[in-house]
Amino acid sequence: MVANRANAGSNLRVSIWRPKTWAEVEALKGQAEETSQLDFKRDVTRNPETAKDIAAMTVDGGVLVYGVAEDEASLVVSEITPVPFAGLEEKLRQVSGSLTAPTPDFDVELIPSPEDESLGVAVVVVRASPMAPHQVGGRYPCRRGTTTDSLSEAEVQRLYRQRQILSGPAPTVEDLLNEFRQAPGTPLPVDGVEVGAVSLVLRPASSEVTHPAGAWQEGYLSAAVAAAARRQATRLANASLVRTWSALAKWEPLEADGCSRMRGQMAHFAVFGNGTCRRL
């Protein structure tokens, strides 16, 4: 498996909030401030700036909200400035596609004004990209705090390594197990008649890469682990199982971490001629 992506700044720990109704848009006034994953825009600016804003969010994932203005002194949302919807999504995709390499993926969610449905707030949801870094005008934009900056040379190199791993073929089971194999005849550190050994391995496909959608999928991953725990507990506690595997009846999940790197985990079991096994 591959753990979720590391980012240029701080890791995304939860799914990114964005307004979904006009009431939530109105509630931003006097309350909301920008973050590293939330950027407010009065309107769609000139093309290069729009492309940079979208590309910057591809490193960690984030949301751009067009049609919302902030006070320059307090940096708190001060007013709602509805933007025309006609041709807006097409313009965003055309600008981003023509000025950014590779072209980033994003969703556009429109929240119409109750006074005029042709106007409103456009929410651009940019998920962390496995193809990062994305170049605009010879530079690689990113978010640092509440500003749009450029990636350092070291960050660009790391993201290119990550892209290569994520776009390459997945490692096979044999690839993952080969480095853990013991040479034939290697004695096991246990007493008794030794028949063989079983090694259970859980390891990321890469120690450097983290999953690009981890922050958005954390809840789903945790639910999947809980479901797996329930299923395995029933199976492994079944008395009809061959007693060689009875020691696995106390199986416990390692839990799901949708954001931080995972470290490799391995457990060794010695298998004896009398049909029992023992964890080493």
Protein backbone atom coordinates (compact mmCIF):
# COMPACT_ATOMS: atom_id res chain seq x y z
CA MET A 1 0.00 0.00 0.00
CA VAL A 2 1.06 3.62 -0.36
CA ALA A 3 0.65 6.05 2.51
CA ASN A 4 -0.62 9.54 1.87
CA ARG A 5 1.56 12.33 0.51
CA ALA A 6 3.84 14.50 2.56
CA ASN A 7 3.42 18.15 1.76
CA ALA A 8 5.56 21.25 1.48
CA GLY A 9 4.18 22.69 4.68
CA SER A 10 2.04 21.18 7.41
CA ASN A 11 0.07 17.99 6.79
CA LEU A 12 -3.66 18.17 6.10
CA ARG A 13 -5.28 16.36 9.02
CA VAL A 14 -8.96 16.61 8.09
CA SER A 15 -11.14 17.17 5.05
CA ILE A 16 -11.21 20.80 3.95
CA TRP A 17 -14.36 22.72 4.77
CA ARG A 18 -15.98 24.91 2.12
CA PRO A 19 -19.34 26.70 1.96
CA LYS A 20 -22.13 24.72 0.31
CA THR A 21 -25.14 26.99 0.78
CA TRP A 22 -25.80 30.74 0.52
CA ALA A 23 -26.43 30.87 4.27
CA GLU A 24 -22.94 29.47 4.85
CA VAL A 25 -21.53 32.05 2.44
CA GLU A 26 -23.26 34.90 4.32
CA ALA A 27 -21.97 33.49 7.62
CA LEU A 28 -18.39 34.07 6.43
CA LYS A 29 -18.75 37.86 6.82
CA GLY A 30 -16.94 39.19 9.86
CA GLN A 31 -15.87 35.68 10.89
CA ALA A 32 -13.78 33.76 8.36
CA GLU A 33 -10.10 34.22 7.60
CA GLU A 34 -7.89 32.64 4.97
CA THR A 35 -5.78 29.59 5.80
CA SER A 36 -3.15 27.64 3.90
CA GLN A 37 -5.96 25.57 2.36
CA LEU A 38 -8.63 28.29 2.00
CA ASP A 39 -8.21 31.32 -0.29
CA PHE A 40 -10.85 34.04 -0.81
CA LYS A 41 -11.02 35.93 -4.12
CA ARG A 42 -13.17 38.98 -4.89
CA ASP A 43 -13.37 37.90 -8.54
CA VAL A 44 -11.49 35.96 -11.21
CA THR A 45 -8.28 37.90 -11.76
CA ARG A 46 -6.01 38.08 -14.79
CA ASN A 47 -5.11 34.72 -16.28
CA PRO A 48 -1.59 34.07 -14.89
CA GLU A 49 -2.71 34.84 -11.34
CA THR A 50 -5.71 32.51 -11.61
CA ALA A 51 -3.48 29.70 -12.91
CA LYS A 52 -0.99 30.27 -10.07
CA ASP A 53 -3.73 30.27 -7.42
CA ILE A 54 -5.08 26.91 -8.61
CA ALA A 55 -1.65 25.33 -9.09
CA ALA A 56 -0.58 26.42 -5.60
CA MET A 57 -3.37 24.34 -4.06
CA THR A 58 -2.28 21.15 -5.86
CA VAL A 59 0.59 20.55 -3.43
CA ASP A 60 -1.52 20.02 -0.30
CA GLY A 61 -5.07 20.39 -1.59
CA GLY A 62 -7.30 23.37 -0.88
CA VAL A 63 -10.27 25.53 -1.78
CA LEU A 64 -10.54 28.82 -3.66
CA VAL A 65 -13.74 30.82 -3.10
CA TYR A 66 -14.48 33.39 -5.84
CA GLY A 67 -16.98 36.13 -4.95
CA VAL A 68 -15.81 36.81 -1.41
CA ALA A 69 -13.76 39.86 -0.38
CA GLU A 70 -11.70 40.34 2.77
CA ASP A 71 -10.76 43.46 4.68
CA GLU A 72 -7.15 44.39 3.90
CA ALA A 73 -6.40 45.37 7.48
CA SER A 74 -8.04 42.58 9.49
CA LEU A 75 -7.88 39.91 6.71
CA VAL A 76 -11.40 38.85 7.76
CA VAL A 77 -14.16 38.42 5.15
CA SER A 78 -15.90 41.77 4.84
CA GLU A 79 -18.39 41.36 1.98
CA ILE A 80 -19.85 38.99 -0.57
CA THR A 81 -19.16 40.09 -4.16
CA PRO A 82 -21.15 37.75 -6.43
CA VAL A 83 -19.45 36.81 -9.69
CA PRO A 84 -21.19 36.01 -13.02
CA PHE A 85 -21.56 32.28 -13.60
CA ALA A 86 -21.81 32.47 -17.39
CA GLY A 87 -18.66 30.90 -18.86
CA LEU A 88 -16.90 30.93 -15.47
CA GLU A 89 -16.03 27.24 -15.20
CA GLU A 90 -14.96 27.11 -18.84
CA LYS A 91 -12.67 30.12 -18.28
CA LEU A 92 -11.09 28.57 -15.18
CA ARG A 93 -10.40 25.30 -16.98
CA GLN A 94 -9.12 27.02 -20.12
CA VAL A 95 -6.78 29.29 -18.17
CA SER A 96 -5.50 26.52 -15.95
CA GLY A 97 -5.11 24.06 -18.83
CA SER A 98 -3.26 26.50 -21.10
CA LEU A 99 -0.88 27.99 -18.52
CA THR A 100 -0.20 25.07 -16.16
CA ALA A 101 1.85 21.94 -16.82
CA PRO A 102 0.70 19.31 -16.21
CA THR A 103 -2.94 20.39 -16.21
CA PRO A 104 -4.34 20.13 -12.66
CA ASP A 105 -7.64 18.51 -11.78
CA PHE A 106 -10.29 20.40 -9.81
CA ASP A 107 -14.03 20.65 -9.22
CA VAL A 108 -16.16 23.79 -9.50
CA GLU A 109 -19.19 24.16 -7.23
CA LEU A 110 -21.56 27.09 -7.86
CA ILE A 111 -23.64 28.65 -5.07
CA PRO A 112 -26.21 31.02 -6.65
CA SER A 113 -27.34 34.23 -5.02
CA PRO A 114 -31.00 34.15 -3.92
CA GLU A 115 -31.44 37.57 -5.56
CA ASP A 116 -30.03 36.61 -8.97
CA GLU A 117 -29.24 32.98 -9.82
CA SER A 118 -26.94 34.03 -12.66
CA LEU A 119 -24.55 35.40 -10.02
CA GLY A 120 -23.08 33.95 -6.87
CA VAL A 121 -20.02 32.35 -5.32
CA ALA A 122 -17.84 29.85 -7.17
CA VAL A 123 -16.02 27.30 -5.02
CA VAL A 124 -13.01 25.63 -6.66
CA VAL A 125 -12.01 22.43 -4.87
CA VAL A 126 -8.44 21.35 -5.66
CA ARG A 127 -7.34 18.00 -4.30
CA ALA A 128 -3.70 17.26 -3.59
CA SER A 129 -2.26 16.12 -6.91
CA PRO A 130 -0.18 12.97 -7.50
CA MET A 131 1.26 14.82 -10.51
CA ALA A 132 2.63 17.73 -8.43
CA PRO A 133 4.61 19.90 -8.88
CA HIS A 134 2.61 21.90 -11.41
CA GLN A 135 4.49 24.62 -13.29
CA VAL A 136 3.17 28.07 -14.18
CA GLY A 137 5.42 30.52 -15.98
CA GLY A 138 8.59 28.60 -15.18
CA ARG A 139 7.89 28.41 -11.43
CA TYR A 140 6.11 25.95 -9.16
CA PRO A 141 3.46 27.68 -7.02
CA CYS A 142 2.53 26.52 -3.51
CA ARG A 143 0.74 27.90 -0.46
CA ARG A 144 2.72 29.04 2.57
CA GLY A 145 0.40 30.20 5.27
CA THR A 146 -2.08 32.56 3.61
CA THR A 147 0.15 33.57 0.70
CA THR A 148 1.01 32.03 -2.65
CA ASP A 149 4.72 31.29 -2.92
CA SER A 150 7.03 29.11 -5.01
CA LEU A 151 8.46 25.72 -4.12
CA SER A 152 12.14 25.53 -3.28
CA GLU A 153 14.49 23.44 -5.42
CA ALA A 154 14.56 20.70 -2.78
CA GLU A 155 10.75 20.62 -2.62
CA VAL A 156 10.50 20.41 -6.40
CA GLN A 157 12.97 17.50 -6.47
CA ARG A 158 11.06 15.65 -3.76
CA LEU A 159 7.75 16.06 -5.58
CA TYR A 160 9.27 14.86 -8.85
CA ARG A 161 10.51 11.73 -7.08
CA GLN A 162 7.04 11.27 -5.64
CA ARG A 163 5.43 11.68 -9.08
CA GLN A 164 7.76 9.06 -10.54
CA ILE A 165 6.84 6.55 -7.83
CA LEU A 166 3.10 7.22 -8.03
CA SER A 167 3.03 6.99 -11.83
CA GLY A 168 5.19 3.85 -11.99
CA PRO A 169 4.08 0.23 -11.66
CA ALA A 170 2.97 -0.92 -8.23
CA PRO A 171 5.45 -3.22 -6.44
CA THR A 172 4.53 -6.89 -6.46
CA VAL A 173 4.13 -8.99 -3.34
CA GLU A 174 7.44 -10.67 -4.21
CA ASP A 175 9.15 -7.26 -4.37
CA LEU A 176 7.88 -6.38 -0.90
CA LEU A 177 8.76 -9.75 0.64
CA ASN A 178 12.20 -10.29 -0.90
CA GLU A 179 14.03 -7.97 1.49
CA PHE A 180 12.52 -9.79 4.47
CA ARG A 181 13.32 -13.34 3.31
CA GLN A 182 15.74 -15.36 5.41
CA ALA A 183 18.38 -17.53 3.80
CA PRO A 184 17.61 -21.28 3.81
CA GLY A 185 18.83 -22.95 6.98
CA THR A 186 18.81 -19.77 9.09
CA PRO A 187 17.99 -20.94 12.65
CA LEU A 188 15.03 -19.43 14.45
CA PRO A 189 15.58 -18.10 17.99
CA VAL A 190 13.14 -20.49 19.66
CA ASP A 191 13.31 -23.83 21.39
CA GLY A 192 11.66 -26.95 20.01
CA VAL A 193 11.28 -28.64 16.69
CA GLU A 194 11.34 -26.02 13.98
CA VAL A 195 9.39 -26.66 10.82
CA GLY A 196 9.41 -23.16 9.32
CA ALA A 197 8.48 -19.54 9.83
CA VAL A 198 5.73 -17.19 8.74
CA SER A 199 6.35 -13.49 8.32
CA LEU A 200 3.42 -11.08 8.10
CA VAL A 201 4.41 -7.83 6.47
CA LEU A 202 2.66 -4.47 6.31
CA ARG A 203 4.75 -1.90 4.55
CA PRO A 204 4.30 1.23 2.39
CA ALA A 205 5.24 0.82 -1.25
CA SER A 206 7.61 3.75 -0.68
CA SER A 207 9.03 5.17 2.52
CA GLU A 208 9.00 8.65 1.00
CA VAL A 209 5.55 8.98 -0.52
CA THR A 210 2.28 9.63 1.23
CA HIS A 211 -1.16 9.25 -0.28
CA PRO A 212 -2.36 12.32 -2.23
CA ALA A 213 -5.97 11.87 -1.14
CA GLY A 214 -5.29 10.78 2.42
CA ALA A 215 -6.79 13.81 4.12
CA TRP A 216 -9.99 13.48 2.12
CA GLN A 217 -10.32 9.74 2.73
CA GLU A 218 -9.33 9.44 6.39
CA GLY A 219 -12.88 8.74 7.57
CA TYR A 220 -13.42 6.09 4.92
CA LEU A 221 -10.08 4.41 5.74
CA SER A 222 -10.88 4.28 9.45
CA ALA A 223 -14.31 2.80 8.75
CA ALA A 224 -12.75 0.15 6.50
CA VAL A 225 -10.27 -0.82 9.21
CA ALA A 226 -13.04 -1.11 11.80
CA ALA A 227 -15.08 -3.31 9.43
CA ALA A 228 -12.04 -5.50 8.74
CA ALA A 229 -11.40 -5.87 12.46
CA ARG A 230 -14.95 -7.08 13.02
CA ARG A 231 -14.72 -9.62 10.20
CA GLN A 232 -11.28 -10.93 11.19
CA ALA A 233 -12.20 -11.21 14.86
CA THR A 234 -15.00 -13.63 13.95
CA ARG A 235 -12.91 -15.67 11.55
CA LEU A 236 -9.78 -15.94 13.67
CA ALA A 237 -11.68 -16.80 16.84
CA ASN A 238 -13.45 -19.68 15.12
CA ALA A 239 -12.55 -22.92 16.89
CA SER A 240 -12.69 -24.86 13.62
CA LEU A 241 -9.59 -23.12 12.31
CA VAL A 242 -6.42 -25.18 12.06
CA ARG A 243 -4.67 -24.67 15.39
CA THR A 244 -1.46 -23.65 13.65
CA TRP A 245 -3.07 -20.26 13.21
CA SER A 246 -4.69 -20.07 16.63
CA ALA A 247 -2.08 -17.59 17.80
CA LEU A 248 -3.49 -15.11 15.29
CA ALA A 249 -6.87 -15.04 17.06
CA LYS A 250 -5.72 -11.92 18.94
CA TRP A 251 -5.21 -10.02 15.70
CA GLU A 252 -5.51 -6.28 16.15
CA PRO A 253 -5.60 -3.66 13.38
CA LEU A 254 -2.84 -1.06 13.16
CA GLU A 255 -5.58 1.54 12.51
CA ALA A 256 -5.72 3.85 9.51
CA ASP A 257 -3.76 7.05 9.29
CA GLY A 258 -5.13 9.09 6.42
CA CYS A 259 -2.41 11.68 6.64
CA SER A 260 0.98 10.87 8.15
CA ARG A 261 3.53 8.44 6.80
CA MET A 262 3.21 4.79 7.69
CA ARG A 263 6.20 2.78 8.82
CA GLY A 264 6.73 -0.84 7.86
CA GLN A 265 5.46 -3.42 10.35
CA MET A 266 6.46 -7.09 10.44
CA ALA A 267 5.63 -9.98 12.75
CA HIS A 268 7.45 -13.35 12.77
CA PHE A 269 5.84 -16.65 13.80
CA ALA A 270 7.63 -19.97 14.22
CA VAL A 271 5.65 -23.04 13.17
CA PHE A 272 6.21 -26.30 15.07
CA GLY A 273 5.62 -29.90 14.18
CA ASN A 274 2.95 -30.32 16.88
CA GLY A 275 0.64 -27.92 15.03
CA THR A 276 1.26 -24.79 17.11
CA CYS A 277 2.93 -21.51 16.30
CA ARG A 278 4.63 -18.93 18.43
CA ARG A 279 5.34 -15.27 17.82
CA LEU A 280 9.05 -14.53 17.81
